[in-house]
Amino acid sequence: MNFLRRLFSAGGPKKVDIEQRFPQRKPIGQGTMSQVYKAVDTQTGQTVALKILDKEKTLRHEQRFAGLKRPCEGEIAISMSHPNIVRTLEHGLTRNEEQFLVMEFLDAIGLASLIASRTPQFTGNLLKYCIQLGEATAYAHAQGYILRDLCPRNIVITRSNVLKLLDFGLAVPDTPEFRRPGNRTGTAMYMAPELIKRQPTDQRIDVFSYAVTCYEMYTRQFPWQSAQSLEAILQHINSPPREIRQFAPEISPAVAEIIMQGLERDPRDRTQTVKEMVQAFQAVAAQSPAARPASASRRPTS
């Protein structure tokens, strides 16, 4: 509701007739609060990705921030300009008062699918992808945001081998009121311990999620045994993470150390910024461009 008030009190754009403007739509993805379509914009003739947020689910999510000036997803996304972040062209409201985003359409594959398939092209470029993801995340941090949901389902890799960060639905400003304890949102297996415990949070929760994602990219495993509930996950992460070389024995020792440092349970012991992790990865790449993970033909075992 805060978004609606800001939009119309400022004399914002008229509501868009989605059916008329985007008559040709094909579902290509679905999130917890949205549906994404490949669509043709009749105003421009462009093929775009059209994201429509579920009104009821979005309202329930926004109620968690009652009284706070949290920008909507469209406001955050359209402010981002980085080669590893999907470009948002427009955002607004449908006639049914659903938030929507018009984004560039990418010929891309989801990171989760690539982790599962582990093609030679994917496994041969893991360090490059870790750097690209880190650069996108560090950029978002520099713009003053905490992502809160950094995980493979919000990441794609294009046919031209470029990683793109897609989703800002749970992102919040990196300010004291949004760093307060209590709001536990994100994807369970990627959530930092302090977030699960409802403790104060900051951008270091994204450092943890970034490290988990890099770990999974290299191993097709999680640092801790997968669990269904946050309580079970909390029990698991009270023990040390499984050493990454257990599942990727040919990983560069330097890369392994960088990832494991990002998984520290206590945020004070964790690498303090994503930028630091990226710089460390870049140093490894500069010294050994051929740093590769375990053979694509070897399937890790738990």
C-alpha atoms as a PDB file:
ATOM      1  CA  MET A   1       0.000   0.000   0.000  1.00  0.00           C
ATOM      2  CA  ASN A   2       2.914   2.399   0.638  1.00  0.00           C
ATOM      3  CA  PHE A   3       3.918   1.934  -2.985  1.00  0.00           C
ATOM      4  CA  LEU A   4       0.422   2.763  -4.213  1.00  0.00           C
ATOM      5  CA  ARG A   5       0.230   5.886  -2.070  1.00  0.00           C
ATOM      6  CA  ARG A   6       3.607   7.132  -3.304  1.00  0.00           C
ATOM      7  CA  LEU A   7       2.731   6.375  -6.892  1.00  0.00           C
ATOM      8  CA  PHE A   8      -0.527   8.286  -7.001  1.00  0.00           C
ATOM      9  CA  SER A   9       0.278  11.063  -4.529  1.00  0.00           C
ATOM     10  CA  ALA A  10       3.171  11.971  -6.816  1.00  0.00           C
ATOM     11  CA  GLY A  11       0.936  11.989  -9.856  1.00  0.00           C
ATOM     12  CA  GLY A  12       2.469   8.764 -11.104  1.00  0.00           C
ATOM     13  CA  PRO A  13       1.800   6.957 -14.373  1.00  0.00           C
ATOM     14  CA  LYS A  14      -1.607   5.772 -15.436  1.00  0.00           C
ATOM     15  CA  LYS A  15      -2.481   2.141 -14.948  1.00  0.00           C
ATOM     16  CA  VAL A  16      -1.508  -0.026 -17.892  1.00  0.00           C
ATOM     17  CA  ASP A  17      -3.889  -2.305 -19.751  1.00  0.00           C
ATOM     18  CA  ILE A  18      -1.598  -5.326 -19.843  1.00  0.00           C
ATOM     19  CA  GLU A  19      -3.915  -7.374 -22.050  1.00  0.00           C
ATOM     20  CA  GLN A  20      -3.974  -4.674 -24.700  1.00  0.00           C
ATOM     21  CA  ARG A  21      -0.308  -3.679 -24.572  1.00  0.00           C
ATOM     22  CA  PHE A  22       1.101  -7.213 -24.299  1.00  0.00           C
ATOM     23  CA  PRO A  23      -1.417  -9.436 -26.116  1.00  0.00           C
ATOM     24  CA  GLN A  24       1.203 -12.044 -27.043  1.00  0.00           C
ATOM     25  CA  ARG A  25       2.436 -13.599 -23.814  1.00  0.00           C
ATOM     26  CA  LYS A  26       4.054 -16.935 -23.050  1.00  0.00           C
ATOM     27  CA  PRO A  27       4.830 -18.031 -19.456  1.00  0.00           C
ATOM     28  CA  ILE A  28       8.561 -18.596 -19.015  1.00  0.00           C
ATOM     29  CA  GLY A  29       9.022 -18.523 -15.261  1.00  0.00           C
ATOM     30  CA  GLN A  30       7.327 -18.317 -11.903  1.00  0.00           C
ATOM     31  CA  GLY A  31       8.521 -17.001  -8.560  1.00  0.00           C
ATOM     32  CA  THR A  32       7.021 -17.120  -5.103  1.00  0.00           C
ATOM     33  CA  MET A  33       5.237 -13.822  -5.702  1.00  0.00           C
ATOM     34  CA  SER A  34       5.217 -13.385  -9.475  1.00  0.00           C
ATOM     35  CA  GLN A  35       4.735 -14.788 -12.954  1.00  0.00           C
ATOM     36  CA  VAL A  36       7.140 -13.981 -15.790  1.00  0.00           C
ATOM     37  CA  TYR A  37       6.172 -13.970 -19.466  1.00  0.00           C
ATOM     38  CA  LYS A  38       7.920 -13.631 -22.785  1.00  0.00           C
ATOM     39  CA  ALA A  39       5.874 -10.884 -24.411  1.00  0.00           C
ATOM     40  CA  VAL A  40       5.746  -8.509 -27.343  1.00  0.00           C
ATOM     41  CA  ASP A  41       5.349  -4.841 -26.393  1.00  0.00           C
ATOM     42  CA  THR A  42       2.946  -3.344 -28.928  1.00  0.00           C
ATOM     43  CA  GLN A  43       4.245   0.142 -28.130  1.00  0.00           C
ATOM     44  CA  THR A  44       7.805  -0.622 -29.169  1.00  0.00           C
ATOM     45  CA  GLY A  45       7.608  -3.898 -31.091  1.00  0.00           C
ATOM     46  CA  GLN A  46      10.244  -5.317 -28.747  1.00  0.00           C
ATOM     47  CA  THR A  47      10.240  -8.800 -27.290  1.00  0.00           C
ATOM     48  CA  VAL A  48      10.544  -8.342 -23.537  1.00  0.00           C
ATOM     49  CA  ALA A  49      10.227 -10.192 -20.267  1.00  0.00           C
ATOM     50  CA  LEU A  50       7.071  -9.102 -18.469  1.00  0.00           C
ATOM     51  CA  LYS A  51       6.954  -9.760 -14.745  1.00  0.00           C
ATOM     52  CA  ILE A  52       3.603  -9.429 -12.969  1.00  0.00           C
ATOM     53  CA  LEU A  53       3.533  -9.581  -9.181  1.00  0.00           C
ATOM     54  CA  ASP A  54       0.713 -11.353  -7.377  1.00  0.00           C
ATOM     55  CA  LYS A  55      -1.242  -8.584  -5.659  1.00  0.00           C
ATOM     56  CA  GLU A  56      -2.201 -10.459  -2.484  1.00  0.00           C
ATOM     57  CA  LYS A  57       1.214 -12.015  -1.921  1.00  0.00           C
ATOM     58  CA  THR A  58       2.938  -8.705  -2.568  1.00  0.00           C
ATOM     59  CA  LEU A  59       0.649  -6.941  -0.114  1.00  0.00           C
ATOM     60  CA  ARG A  60       1.386  -9.515   2.596  1.00  0.00           C
ATOM     61  CA  HIS A  61       5.098  -9.068   2.006  1.00  0.00           C
ATOM     62  CA  GLU A  62       4.894  -5.270   2.117  1.00  0.00           C
ATOM     63  CA  GLN A  63       2.989  -5.416   5.400  1.00  0.00           C
ATOM     64  CA  ARG A  64       6.196  -6.679   7.010  1.00  0.00           C
ATOM     65  CA  PHE A  65       7.606  -3.203   6.425  1.00  0.00           C
ATOM     66  CA  ALA A  66       4.603  -1.222   7.676  1.00  0.00           C
ATOM     67  CA  GLY A  67       5.615   2.326   8.510  1.00  0.00           C
ATOM     68  CA  LEU A  68       8.914   2.090   6.626  1.00  0.00           C
ATOM     69  CA  LYS A  69       9.717   3.703   3.294  1.00  0.00           C
ATOM     70  CA  ARG A  70      10.714   0.570   1.413  1.00  0.00           C
ATOM     71  CA  PRO A  71      11.027   1.051  -2.361  1.00  0.00           C
ATOM     72  CA  CYS A  72       9.050  -1.426  -4.451  1.00  0.00           C
ATOM     73  CA  GLU A  73      10.845  -3.989  -6.594  1.00  0.00           C
ATOM     74  CA  GLY A  74      10.343  -1.940  -9.741  1.00  0.00           C
ATOM     75  CA  GLU A  75      11.883   1.162  -8.187  1.00  0.00           C
ATOM     76  CA  ILE A  76      14.946  -0.798  -7.099  1.00  0.00           C
ATOM     77  CA  ALA A  77      15.325  -2.747 -10.348  1.00  0.00           C
ATOM     78  CA  ILE A  78      15.032   0.245 -12.667  1.00  0.00           C
ATOM     79  CA  SER A  79      17.748   2.069 -10.716  1.00  0.00           C
ATOM     80  CA  MET A  80      20.275  -0.702 -11.420  1.00  0.00           C
ATOM     81  CA  SER A  81      22.682  -0.363 -14.346  1.00  0.00           C
ATOM     82  CA  HIS A  82      25.293  -3.111 -14.457  1.00  0.00           C
ATOM     83  CA  PRO A  83      26.319  -5.621 -17.153  1.00  0.00           C
ATOM     84  CA  ASN A  84      25.567  -8.526 -14.792  1.00  0.00           C
ATOM     85  CA  ILE A  85      22.104  -7.311 -13.760  1.00  0.00           C
ATOM     86  CA  VAL A  86      19.064  -7.686 -15.983  1.00  0.00           C
ATOM     87  CA  ARG A  87      17.990  -4.323 -17.406  1.00  0.00           C
ATOM     88  CA  THR A  88      14.544  -3.127 -16.290  1.00  0.00           C
ATOM     89  CA  LEU A  89      12.914  -0.838 -18.850  1.00  0.00           C
ATOM     90  CA  GLU A  90       9.726   0.170 -17.054  1.00  0.00           C
ATOM     91  CA  HIS A  91       7.583  -0.557 -14.034  1.00  0.00           C
ATOM     92  CA  GLY A  92       4.113   0.393 -12.911  1.00  0.00           C
ATOM     93  CA  LEU A  93       0.628  -0.916 -12.159  1.00  0.00           C
ATOM     94  CA  THR A  94      -1.871  -2.924 -14.153  1.00  0.00           C
ATOM     95  CA  ARG A  95      -5.547  -1.969 -14.168  1.00  0.00           C
ATOM     96  CA  ASN A  96      -5.978  -4.637 -11.498  1.00  0.00           C
ATOM     97  CA  GLU A  97      -3.417  -2.804  -9.332  1.00  0.00           C
ATOM     98  CA  GLU A  98      -0.783  -5.481  -9.771  1.00  0.00           C
ATOM     99  CA  GLN A  99       2.790  -4.283  -9.881  1.00  0.00           C
ATOM    100  CA  PHE A 100       4.602  -5.127 -13.115  1.00  0.00           C
ATOM    101  CA  LEU A 101       8.103  -4.822 -14.531  1.00  0.00           C
ATOM    102  CA  VAL A 102       9.137  -4.752 -18.179  1.00  0.00           C
ATOM    103  CA  MET A 103      12.653  -6.155 -18.558  1.00  0.00           C
ATOM    104  CA  GLU A 104      15.018  -7.017 -21.361  1.00  0.00           C
ATOM    105  CA  PHE A 105      14.378 -10.511 -22.677  1.00  0.00           C
ATOM    106  CA  LEU A 106      17.400 -12.752 -22.253  1.00  0.00           C
ATOM    107  CA  ASP A 107      18.231 -15.899 -24.187  1.00  0.00           C
ATOM    108  CA  ALA A 108      19.455 -17.585 -21.046  1.00  0.00           C
ATOM    109  CA  ILE A 109      19.377 -20.664 -18.834  1.00  0.00           C
ATOM    110  CA  GLY A 110      18.690 -20.646 -15.124  1.00  0.00           C
ATOM    111  CA  LEU A 111      21.716 -21.179 -12.896  1.00  0.00           C
ATOM    112  CA  ALA A 112      19.891 -23.918 -10.971  1.00  0.00           C
ATOM    113  CA  SER A 113      19.482 -25.910 -14.197  1.00  0.00           C
ATOM    114  CA  LEU A 114      23.128 -25.444 -15.120  1.00  0.00           C
ATOM    115  CA  ILE A 115      24.254 -26.601 -11.686  1.00  0.00           C
ATOM    116  CA  ALA A 116      22.194 -29.759 -12.162  1.00  0.00           C
ATOM    117  CA  SER A 117      23.410 -30.470 -15.705  1.00  0.00           C
ATOM    118  CA  ARG A 118      27.061 -29.404 -15.209  1.00  0.00           C
ATOM    119  CA  THR A 119      27.899 -29.040 -18.884  1.00  0.00           C
ATOM    120  CA  PRO A 120      31.581 -28.661 -19.833  1.00  0.00           C
ATOM    121  CA  GLN A 121      30.987 -25.014 -20.709  1.00  0.00           C
ATOM    122  CA  PHE A 122      29.525 -24.397 -17.271  1.00  0.00           C
ATOM    123  CA  THR A 123      32.185 -26.227 -15.269  1.00  0.00           C
ATOM    124  CA  GLY A 124      34.944 -24.640 -17.342  1.00  0.00           C
ATOM    125  CA  ASN A 125      33.815 -21.132 -16.442  1.00  0.00           C
ATOM    126  CA  LEU A 126      32.911 -21.403 -12.757  1.00  0.00           C
ATOM    127  CA  LEU A 127      35.465 -18.912 -11.509  1.00  0.00           C
ATOM    128  CA  LYS A 128      34.320 -16.441 -14.153  1.00  0.00           C
ATOM    129  CA  TYR A 129      30.691 -16.873 -13.068  1.00  0.00           C
ATOM    130  CA  CYS A 130      31.577 -16.439  -9.387  1.00  0.00           C
ATOM    131  CA  ILE A 131      33.332 -13.178 -10.247  1.00  0.00           C
ATOM    132  CA  GLN A 132      30.419 -11.921 -12.357  1.00  0.00           C
ATOM    133  CA  LEU A 133      27.893 -12.724  -9.630  1.00  0.00           C
ATOM    134  CA  GLY A 134      30.066 -11.062  -7.041  1.00  0.00           C
ATOM    135  CA  GLU A 135      30.452  -7.946  -9.173  1.00  0.00           C
ATOM    136  CA  ALA A 136      26.671  -7.673  -9.594  1.00  0.00           C
ATOM    137  CA  THR A 137      26.106  -8.128  -5.861  1.00  0.00           C
ATOM    138  CA  ALA A 138      28.855  -5.694  -4.895  1.00  0.00           C
ATOM    139  CA  TYR A 139      27.305  -3.139  -7.248  1.00  0.00           C
ATOM    140  CA  ALA A 140      23.875  -3.553  -5.607  1.00  0.00           C
ATOM    141  CA  HIS A 141      25.531  -3.131  -2.210  1.00  0.00           C
ATOM    142  CA  ALA A 142      27.232   0.044  -3.417  1.00  0.00           C
ATOM    143  CA  GLN A 143      23.797   1.373  -4.407  1.00  0.00           C
ATOM    144  CA  GLY A 144      22.740   0.940  -0.773  1.00  0.00           C
ATOM    145  CA  TYR A 145      20.765  -2.322  -0.777  1.00  0.00           C
ATOM    146  CA  ILE A 146      20.779  -5.728   0.919  1.00  0.00           C
ATOM    147  CA  LEU A 147      19.532  -8.373  -1.526  1.00  0.00           C
ATOM    148  CA  ARG A 148      18.276 -10.902   1.072  1.00  0.00           C
ATOM    149  CA  ASP A 149      17.552 -13.582  -1.571  1.00  0.00           C
ATOM    150  CA  LEU A 150      20.758 -14.278  -3.443  1.00  0.00           C
ATOM    151  CA  CYS A 151      20.435 -17.828  -4.796  1.00  0.00           C
ATOM    152  CA  PRO A 152      20.569 -19.739  -8.129  1.00  0.00           C
ATOM    153  CA  ARG A 153      16.847 -19.412  -8.897  1.00  0.00           C
ATOM    154  CA  ASN A 154      17.344 -15.639  -9.213  1.00  0.00           C
ATOM    155  CA  ILE A 155      20.306 -15.946 -11.585  1.00  0.00           C
ATOM    156  CA  VAL A 156      20.629 -16.875 -15.265  1.00  0.00           C
ATOM    157  CA  ILE A 157      23.520 -17.298 -17.677  1.00  0.00           C
ATOM    158  CA  THR A 158      23.034 -16.118 -21.247  1.00  0.00           C
ATOM    159  CA  ARG A 159      23.971 -18.012 -24.388  1.00  0.00           C
ATOM    160  CA  SER A 160      26.840 -15.519 -24.755  1.00  0.00           C
ATOM    161  CA  ASN A 161      28.171 -16.694 -21.369  1.00  0.00           C
ATOM    162  CA  VAL A 162      27.196 -13.682 -19.271  1.00  0.00           C
ATOM    163  CA  LEU A 163      25.734 -14.146 -15.805  1.00  0.00           C
ATOM    164  CA  LYS A 164      22.747 -11.952 -14.941  1.00  0.00           C
ATOM    165  CA  LEU A 165      21.144 -11.264 -11.556  1.00  0.00           C
ATOM    166  CA  LEU A 166      17.361 -11.040 -11.985  1.00  0.00           C
ATOM    167  CA  ASP A 167      15.310 -10.467  -8.883  1.00  0.00           C
ATOM    168  CA  PHE A 168      15.038  -7.681  -6.298  1.00  0.00           C
ATOM    169  CA  GLY A 169      11.732  -8.709  -4.785  1.00  0.00           C
ATOM    170  CA  LEU A 170      13.126  -9.081  -1.248  1.00  0.00           C
ATOM    171  CA  ALA A 171      15.801  -6.386  -1.430  1.00  0.00           C
ATOM    172  CA  VAL A 172      15.752  -3.675   1.229  1.00  0.00           C
ATOM    173  CA  PRO A 173      17.714  -0.481   1.821  1.00  0.00           C
ATOM    174  CA  ASP A 174      20.886  -0.933   3.862  1.00  0.00           C
ATOM    175  CA  THR A 175      19.691   1.384   6.622  1.00  0.00           C
ATOM    176  CA  PRO A 176      19.244   0.927  10.388  1.00  0.00           C
ATOM    177  CA  GLU A 177      15.475   0.428  10.271  1.00  0.00           C
ATOM    178  CA  PHE A 178      15.826  -2.408   7.745  1.00  0.00           C
ATOM    179  CA  ARG A 179      18.747  -4.017   9.575  1.00  0.00           C
ATOM    180  CA  ARG A 180      16.699  -4.549  12.730  1.00  0.00           C
ATOM    181  CA  PRO A 181      16.110  -8.137  13.893  1.00  0.00           C
ATOM    182  CA  GLY A 182      12.878  -9.974  13.260  1.00  0.00           C
ATOM    183  CA  ASN A 183      12.194 -10.009   9.517  1.00  0.00           C
ATOM    184  CA  ARG A 184      13.197 -13.498   8.351  1.00  0.00           C
ATOM    185  CA  THR A 185      12.848 -13.546   4.560  1.00  0.00           C
ATOM    186  CA  GLY A 186      14.864 -15.359   1.904  1.00  0.00           C
ATOM    187  CA  THR A 187      15.463 -18.855   0.550  1.00  0.00           C
ATOM    188  CA  ALA A 188      16.096 -21.183   3.476  1.00  0.00           C
ATOM    189  CA  MET A 189      19.290 -23.021   2.467  1.00  0.00           C
ATOM    190  CA  TYR A 190      21.020 -19.755   1.529  1.00  0.00           C
ATOM    191  CA  MET A 191      20.043 -17.775   4.627  1.00  0.00           C
ATOM    192  CA  ALA A 192      22.781 -16.633   7.007  1.00  0.00           C
ATOM    193  CA  PRO A 193      22.583 -17.885  10.612  1.00  0.00           C
ATOM    194  CA  GLU A 194      21.947 -14.399  11.999  1.00  0.00           C
ATOM    195  CA  LEU A 195      18.962 -14.014   9.661  1.00  0.00           C
ATOM    196  CA  ILE A 196      17.487 -17.374  10.686  1.00  0.00           C
ATOM    197  CA  LYS A 197      18.009 -16.481  14.359  1.00  0.00           C
ATOM    198  CA  ARG A 198      16.190 -13.144  13.838  1.00  0.00           C
ATOM    199  CA  GLN A 199      19.260 -11.193  14.889  1.00  0.00           C
ATOM    200  CA  PRO A 200      20.311  -7.812  13.454  1.00  0.00           C
ATOM    201  CA  THR A 201      21.436  -8.154   9.833  1.00  0.00           C
ATOM    202  CA  ASP A 202      23.489  -6.231   7.288  1.00  0.00           C
ATOM    203  CA  GLN A 203      25.084  -6.837   3.892  1.00  0.00           C
ATOM    204  CA  ARG A 204      27.064  -9.734   5.359  1.00  0.00           C
ATOM    205  CA  ILE A 205      23.989 -11.940   4.995  1.00  0.00           C
ATOM    206  CA  ASP A 206      24.511 -11.566   1.235  1.00  0.00           C
ATOM    207  CA  VAL A 207      28.178 -12.511   1.680  1.00  0.00           C
ATOM    208  CA  PHE A 208      26.967 -15.786   3.205  1.00  0.00           C
ATOM    209  CA  SER A 209      24.394 -16.410   0.443  1.00  0.00           C
ATOM    210  CA  TYR A 210      27.009 -15.614  -2.192  1.00  0.00           C
ATOM    211  CA  ALA A 211      29.406 -18.133  -0.655  1.00  0.00           C
ATOM    212  CA  VAL A 212      26.692 -20.820  -0.496  1.00  0.00           C
ATOM    213  CA  THR A 213      25.867 -20.199  -4.167  1.00  0.00           C
ATOM    214  CA  CYS A 214      29.533 -20.427  -5.201  1.00  0.00           C
ATOM    215  CA  TYR A 215      29.903 -23.619  -3.134  1.00  0.00           C
ATOM    216  CA  GLU A 216      26.895 -25.143  -4.878  1.00  0.00           C
ATOM    217  CA  MET A 217      28.169 -24.121  -8.304  1.00  0.00           C
ATOM    218  CA  TYR A 218      31.420 -25.989  -7.715  1.00  0.00           C
ATOM    219  CA  THR A 219      30.002 -29.060  -5.983  1.00  0.00           C
ATOM    220  CA  ARG A 220      26.279 -29.461  -6.704  1.00  0.00           C
ATOM    221  CA  GLN A 221      25.978 -29.760  -2.927  1.00  0.00           C
ATOM    222  CA  PHE A 222      25.153 -27.475   0.002  1.00  0.00           C
ATOM    223  CA  PRO A 223      27.737 -26.751   2.714  1.00  0.00           C
ATOM    224  CA  TRP A 224      25.337 -28.377   5.189  1.00  0.00           C
ATOM    225  CA  GLN A 225      22.912 -31.244   4.691  1.00  0.00           C
ATOM    226  CA  SER A 226      19.711 -30.051   3.043  1.00  0.00           C
ATOM    227  CA  ALA A 227      16.763 -29.597   5.404  1.00  0.00           C
ATOM    228  CA  GLN A 228      13.111 -28.670   5.052  1.00  0.00           C
ATOM    229  CA  SER A 229      12.525 -26.260   7.942  1.00  0.00           C
ATOM    230  CA  LEU A 230      14.414 -23.225   9.188  1.00  0.00           C
ATOM    231  CA  GLU A 231      14.693 -24.851  12.595  1.00  0.00           C
ATOM    232  CA  ALA A 232      16.343 -27.942  11.088  1.00  0.00           C
ATOM    233  CA  ILE A 233      18.652 -25.775   9.005  1.00  0.00           C
ATOM    234  CA  LEU A 234      19.650 -23.840  12.114  1.00  0.00           C
ATOM    235  CA  GLN A 235      20.589 -27.081  13.847  1.00  0.00           C
ATOM    236  CA  HIS A 236      22.775 -28.065  10.896  1.00  0.00           C
ATOM    237  CA  ILE A 237      24.596 -24.774  10.597  1.00  0.00           C
ATOM    238  CA  ASN A 238      25.523 -24.897  14.263  1.00  0.00           C
ATOM    239  CA  SER A 239      28.196 -27.339  13.054  1.00  0.00           C
ATOM    240  CA  PRO A 240      31.032 -26.430  10.641  1.00  0.00           C
ATOM    241  CA  PRO A 241      30.295 -26.529   6.891  1.00  0.00           C
ATOM    242  CA  ARG A 242      31.475 -29.544   4.961  1.00  0.00           C
ATOM    243  CA  GLU A 243      34.851 -28.895   3.380  1.00  0.00           C
ATOM    244  CA  ILE A 244      34.325 -27.984  -0.275  1.00  0.00           C
ATOM    245  CA  ARG A 245      37.243 -30.148  -1.444  1.00  0.00           C
ATOM    246  CA  GLN A 246      35.325 -33.195  -0.212  1.00  0.00           C
ATOM    247  CA  PHE A 247      33.054 -32.751  -3.234  1.00  0.00           C
ATOM    248  CA  ALA A 248      35.343 -30.856  -5.640  1.00  0.00           C
ATOM    249  CA  PRO A 249      38.828 -32.306  -5.049  1.00  0.00           C
ATOM    250  CA  GLU A 250      40.349 -30.512  -8.042  1.00  0.00           C
ATOM    251  CA  ILE A 251      39.205 -27.037  -7.012  1.00  0.00           C
ATOM    252  CA  SER A 252      41.959 -24.480  -6.636  1.00  0.00           C
ATOM    253  CA  PRO A 253      42.961 -24.365  -2.930  1.00  0.00           C
ATOM    254  CA  ALA A 254      42.810 -20.566  -3.069  1.00  0.00           C
ATOM    255  CA  VAL A 255      39.252 -20.596  -4.461  1.00  0.00           C
ATOM    256  CA  ALA A 256      38.228 -23.159  -1.849  1.00  0.00           C
ATOM    257  CA  GLU A 257      39.592 -20.961   0.941  1.00  0.00           C
ATOM    258  CA  ILE A 258      37.759 -17.881  -0.359  1.00  0.00           C
ATOM    259  CA  ILE A 259      34.430 -19.717  -0.456  1.00  0.00           C
ATOM    260  CA  MET A 260      34.862 -21.353   2.952  1.00  0.00           C
ATOM    261  CA  GLN A 261      35.743 -18.001   4.539  1.00  0.00           C
ATOM    262  CA  GLY A 262      32.456 -16.597   3.239  1.00  0.00           C
ATOM    263  CA  LEU A 263      30.584 -19.410   5.025  1.00  0.00           C
ATOM    264  CA  GLU A 264      31.673 -18.510   8.554  1.00  0.00           C
ATOM    265  CA  ARG A 265      28.658 -18.719  10.864  1.00  0.00           C
ATOM    266  CA  ASP A 266      29.645 -15.667  12.913  1.00  0.00           C
ATOM    267  CA  PRO A 267      29.423 -12.586  10.661  1.00  0.00           C
ATOM    268  CA  ARG A 268      32.415 -11.095  12.475  1.00  0.00           C
ATOM    269  CA  ASP A 269      34.572 -13.997  11.253  1.00  0.00           C
ATOM    270  CA  ARG A 270      33.107 -14.001   7.754  1.00  0.00           C
ATOM    271  CA  THR A 271      34.619 -12.099   4.842  1.00  0.00           C
ATOM    272  CA  GLN A 272      33.174  -8.662   5.500  1.00  0.00           C
ATOM    273  CA  THR A 273      32.137  -7.648   1.997  1.00  0.00           C
ATOM    274  CA  VAL A 274      31.307  -9.298  -1.308  1.00  0.00           C
ATOM    275  CA  LYS A 275      33.752  -6.900  -2.925  1.00  0.00           C
ATOM    276  CA  GLU A 276      36.575  -8.469  -0.892  1.00  0.00           C
ATOM    277  CA  MET A 277      35.569 -11.930  -2.107  1.00  0.00           C
ATOM    278  CA  VAL A 278      35.453 -10.748  -5.720  1.00  0.00           C
ATOM    279  CA  GLN A 279      38.891  -9.174  -5.452  1.00  0.00           C
ATOM    280  CA  ALA A 280      40.253 -12.423  -4.032  1.00  0.00           C
ATOM    281  CA  PHE A 281      38.676 -14.425  -6.873  1.00  0.00           C
ATOM    282  CA  GLN A 282      40.096 -11.961  -9.406  1.00  0.00           C
ATOM    283  CA  ALA A 283      43.566 -12.357  -7.928  1.00  0.00           C
ATOM    284  CA  VAL A 284      43.315 -16.132  -8.369  1.00  0.00           C
ATOM    285  CA  ALA A 285      42.089 -15.719 -11.948  1.00  0.00           C
ATOM    286  CA  ALA A 286      44.979 -13.371 -12.742  1.00  0.00           C
ATOM    287  CA  GLN A 287      47.539 -15.823 -11.382  1.00  0.00           C
ATOM    288  CA  SER A 288      45.955 -18.953 -12.823  1.00  0.00           C
ATOM    289  CA  PRO A 289      43.308 -18.335 -15.520  1.00  0.00           C
ATOM    290  CA  ALA A 290      42.964 -22.090 -15.930  1.00  0.00           C
ATOM    291  CA  ALA A 291      41.853 -22.623 -12.321  1.00  0.00           C
ATOM    292  CA  ARG A 292      39.106 -25.205 -12.792  1.00  0.00           C
ATOM    293  CA  PRO A 293      36.758 -27.236 -10.607  1.00  0.00           C
ATOM    294  CA  ALA A 294      36.514 -31.002 -10.506  1.00  0.00           C
ATOM    295  CA  SER A 295      36.032 -32.765 -13.844  1.00  0.00           C
ATOM    296  CA  ALA A 296      32.562 -32.323 -15.321  1.00  0.00           C
ATOM    297  CA  SER A 297      32.335 -36.057 -15.675  1.00  0.00           C
ATOM    298  CA  ARG A 298      32.780 -36.659 -11.963  1.00  0.00           C
ATOM    299  CA  ARG A 299      29.500 -36.484 -10.073  1.00  0.00           C
ATOM    300  CA  PRO A 300      30.035 -35.432  -6.447  1.00  0.00           C
ATOM    301  CA  THR A 301      28.669 -37.673  -3.754  1.00  0.00           C
ATOM    302  CA  SER A 302      27.450 -36.753  -0.326  1.00  0.00           C
END
